[in-house]
């Protein structure tokens, strides 16, 4: 019997917006049943403030998160790799499940523009958790 948790990695260019939201939703909605990673091909210095604000509206505080650099080891350690606009800068390895989520980039946007992106990511994460056989937990808003 395999008791290992599934692992999902979210990758975008700056690891400051979309991938941070995907990782936060996956962690919270799975209740910790999924190992979560996020990284960027050219990480920013900080998480986008409008993204932090939009996630706080959901009851999820990502203020302690820092953008991380994408490494081959992190990709190899993940079962599912979700790319979000990093194109050819993302590492690809045979045997990994890849999905490319085409989403607007929240960089330079206000919270009003981030909310629809956030909603789209939450919907996609909920679908992904269902595909992984993970029960979706309610958000503690």
Protein backbone atom coordinates (compact mmCIF):
# COMPACT_ATOMS: atom_id res chain seq x y z
CA UNK A 1 0.00 0.00 0.00
CA UNK A 2 1.33 3.44 -0.95
CA UNK A 3 0.77 5.99 1.82
CA UNK A 4 2.81 8.69 0.12
CA UNK A 5 1.03 12.00 -0.35
CA UNK A 6 0.66 13.22 -3.92
CA UNK A 7 2.85 16.23 -4.68
CA UNK A 8 2.03 19.19 -6.88
CA UNK A 9 4.36 21.94 -8.04
CA UNK A 10 3.21 25.31 -9.34
CA UNK A 11 5.58 27.17 -11.65
CA UNK A 12 5.40 30.66 -13.14
CA UNK A 13 8.03 33.20 -14.11
CA UNK A 14 8.26 35.32 -10.95
CA UNK A 15 6.69 32.98 -8.34
CA UNK A 16 5.03 36.10 -6.96
CA UNK A 17 1.40 35.68 -8.01
CA UNK A 18 -0.27 32.82 -9.85
CA UNK A 19 1.95 30.02 -8.56
CA UNK A 20 1.72 31.37 -5.00
CA UNK A 21 -2.09 31.36 -5.20
CA UNK A 22 -2.11 27.84 -6.66
CA UNK A 23 0.18 26.54 -3.93
CA UNK A 24 -1.77 28.25 -1.14
CA UNK A 25 -5.13 26.94 -2.39
CA UNK A 26 -3.76 23.42 -2.83
CA UNK A 27 -2.36 23.39 0.69
CA UNK A 28 -5.51 24.79 2.31
CA UNK A 29 -8.16 23.01 0.22
CA UNK A 30 -6.39 19.64 0.60
CA UNK A 31 -6.07 20.06 4.36
CA UNK A 32 -2.39 19.21 3.99
CA UNK A 33 -3.11 15.94 2.15
CA UNK A 34 -0.99 17.12 -0.79
CA UNK A 35 2.68 18.06 -0.70
CA UNK A 36 2.92 21.47 -2.36
CA UNK A 37 5.81 23.33 -3.99
CA UNK A 38 6.01 26.53 -5.99
CA UNK A 39 8.85 28.22 -7.84
CA UNK A 40 9.68 30.62 -10.63
CA UNK A 41 12.08 30.62 -13.56
CA UNK A 42 13.05 34.22 -12.66
CA UNK A 43 11.75 34.75 -9.11
CA UNK A 44 10.79 38.22 -7.90
CA UNK A 45 12.01 39.64 -4.60
CA UNK A 46 8.59 39.52 -2.93
CA UNK A 47 5.07 38.20 -3.40
CA UNK A 48 2.77 40.60 -5.27
CA UNK A 49 0.97 42.76 -2.64
CA UNK A 50 -2.35 42.63 -4.55
CA UNK A 51 -2.11 38.81 -4.57
CA UNK A 52 -1.46 38.81 -0.80
CA UNK A 53 -4.51 41.03 -0.29
CA UNK A 54 -6.73 38.91 -2.56
CA UNK A 55 -5.73 35.72 -0.71
CA UNK A 56 -6.35 37.37 2.68
CA UNK A 57 -9.93 37.96 1.48
CA UNK A 58 -10.17 34.16 1.27
CA UNK A 59 -8.79 33.74 4.79
CA UNK A 60 -5.37 32.59 3.52
CA UNK A 61 -2.33 34.54 4.70
CA UNK A 62 0.62 34.16 2.32
CA UNK A 63 2.57 37.14 3.71
CA UNK A 64 5.36 34.84 4.97
CA UNK A 65 5.87 33.27 1.52
CA UNK A 66 8.95 34.16 -0.52
CA UNK A 67 9.46 33.59 -4.26
CA UNK A 68 11.74 30.61 -4.89
CA UNK A 69 13.94 29.64 -7.81
CA UNK A 70 12.88 26.72 -10.00
CA UNK A 71 15.23 23.74 -9.64
CA UNK A 72 15.32 20.46 -11.55
CA UNK A 73 15.24 18.59 -8.22
CA UNK A 74 11.94 20.21 -7.20
CA UNK A 75 10.36 19.28 -10.53
CA UNK A 76 11.65 15.69 -10.31
CA UNK A 77 10.24 15.35 -6.77
CA UNK A 78 6.73 16.37 -7.92
CA UNK A 79 3.98 14.14 -9.32
CA UNK A 80 2.11 16.95 -11.08
CA UNK A 81 3.70 20.12 -12.44
CA UNK A 82 1.37 23.03 -13.18
CA UNK A 83 2.96 25.68 -15.39
CA UNK A 84 1.48 29.17 -15.53
CA UNK A 85 3.03 31.17 -18.32
CA UNK A 86 6.70 30.25 -18.02
CA UNK A 87 6.92 28.74 -21.50
CA UNK A 88 10.29 27.25 -22.41
CA UNK A 89 11.84 28.34 -19.10
CA UNK A 90 10.15 25.44 -17.26
CA UNK A 91 12.05 22.18 -16.82
CA UNK A 92 10.36 19.14 -18.39
CA UNK A 93 11.04 15.56 -17.33
CA UNK A 94 9.61 12.36 -18.78
CA UNK A 95 7.08 10.58 -16.62
CA UNK A 96 5.75 13.72 -14.96
CA UNK A 97 2.21 14.92 -15.41
CA UNK A 98 2.27 18.47 -16.78
CA UNK A 99 -0.61 20.90 -17.12
CA UNK A 100 -0.29 24.40 -18.51
CA UNK A 101 -2.87 26.72 -16.99
CA UNK A 102 -3.32 29.76 -19.20
CA UNK A 103 -4.11 32.59 -16.80
CA UNK A 104 -3.82 36.38 -16.87
CA UNK A 105 -0.68 37.69 -15.17
CA UNK A 106 -1.45 39.64 -11.97
CA UNK A 107 1.88 41.52 -12.13
CA UNK A 108 1.28 45.26 -11.82
CA UNK A 109 -2.46 44.77 -11.31
CA UNK A 110 -4.65 45.91 -8.42
CA UNK A 111 -6.66 43.56 -6.24
CA UNK A 112 -9.78 44.09 -8.41
CA UNK A 113 -7.93 42.57 -11.39
CA UNK A 114 -6.45 39.79 -9.24
CA UNK A 115 -9.81 38.52 -7.91
CA UNK A 116 -10.97 36.86 -11.18
CA UNK A 117 -7.54 35.22 -11.58
CA UNK A 118 -7.80 33.99 -7.98
CA UNK A 119 -11.27 32.55 -8.62
CA UNK A 120 -10.06 30.73 -11.74
CA UNK A 121 -7.11 29.24 -9.83
CA UNK A 122 -9.36 28.11 -6.96
CA UNK A 123 -11.70 26.38 -9.43
CA UNK A 124 -8.81 24.64 -11.20
CA UNK A 125 -7.20 23.55 -7.91
CA UNK A 126 -10.53 22.11 -6.75
CA UNK A 127 -10.78 20.11 -9.99
CA UNK A 128 -7.17 18.94 -9.66
CA UNK A 129 -7.72 17.74 -6.10
CA UNK A 130 -10.75 15.77 -7.29
CA UNK A 131 -8.62 14.14 -10.00
CA UNK A 132 -6.03 13.23 -7.36
CA UNK A 133 -8.73 11.67 -5.19
CA UNK A 134 -8.24 14.25 -2.43
CA UNK A 135 -11.25 15.47 -0.46
CA UNK A 136 -11.65 19.24 -0.75
CA UNK A 137 -11.79 21.00 2.61
CA UNK A 138 -13.76 24.22 3.16
CA UNK A 139 -11.80 27.45 3.44
CA UNK A 140 -11.76 28.97 6.92
CA UNK A 141 -12.95 32.43 5.87
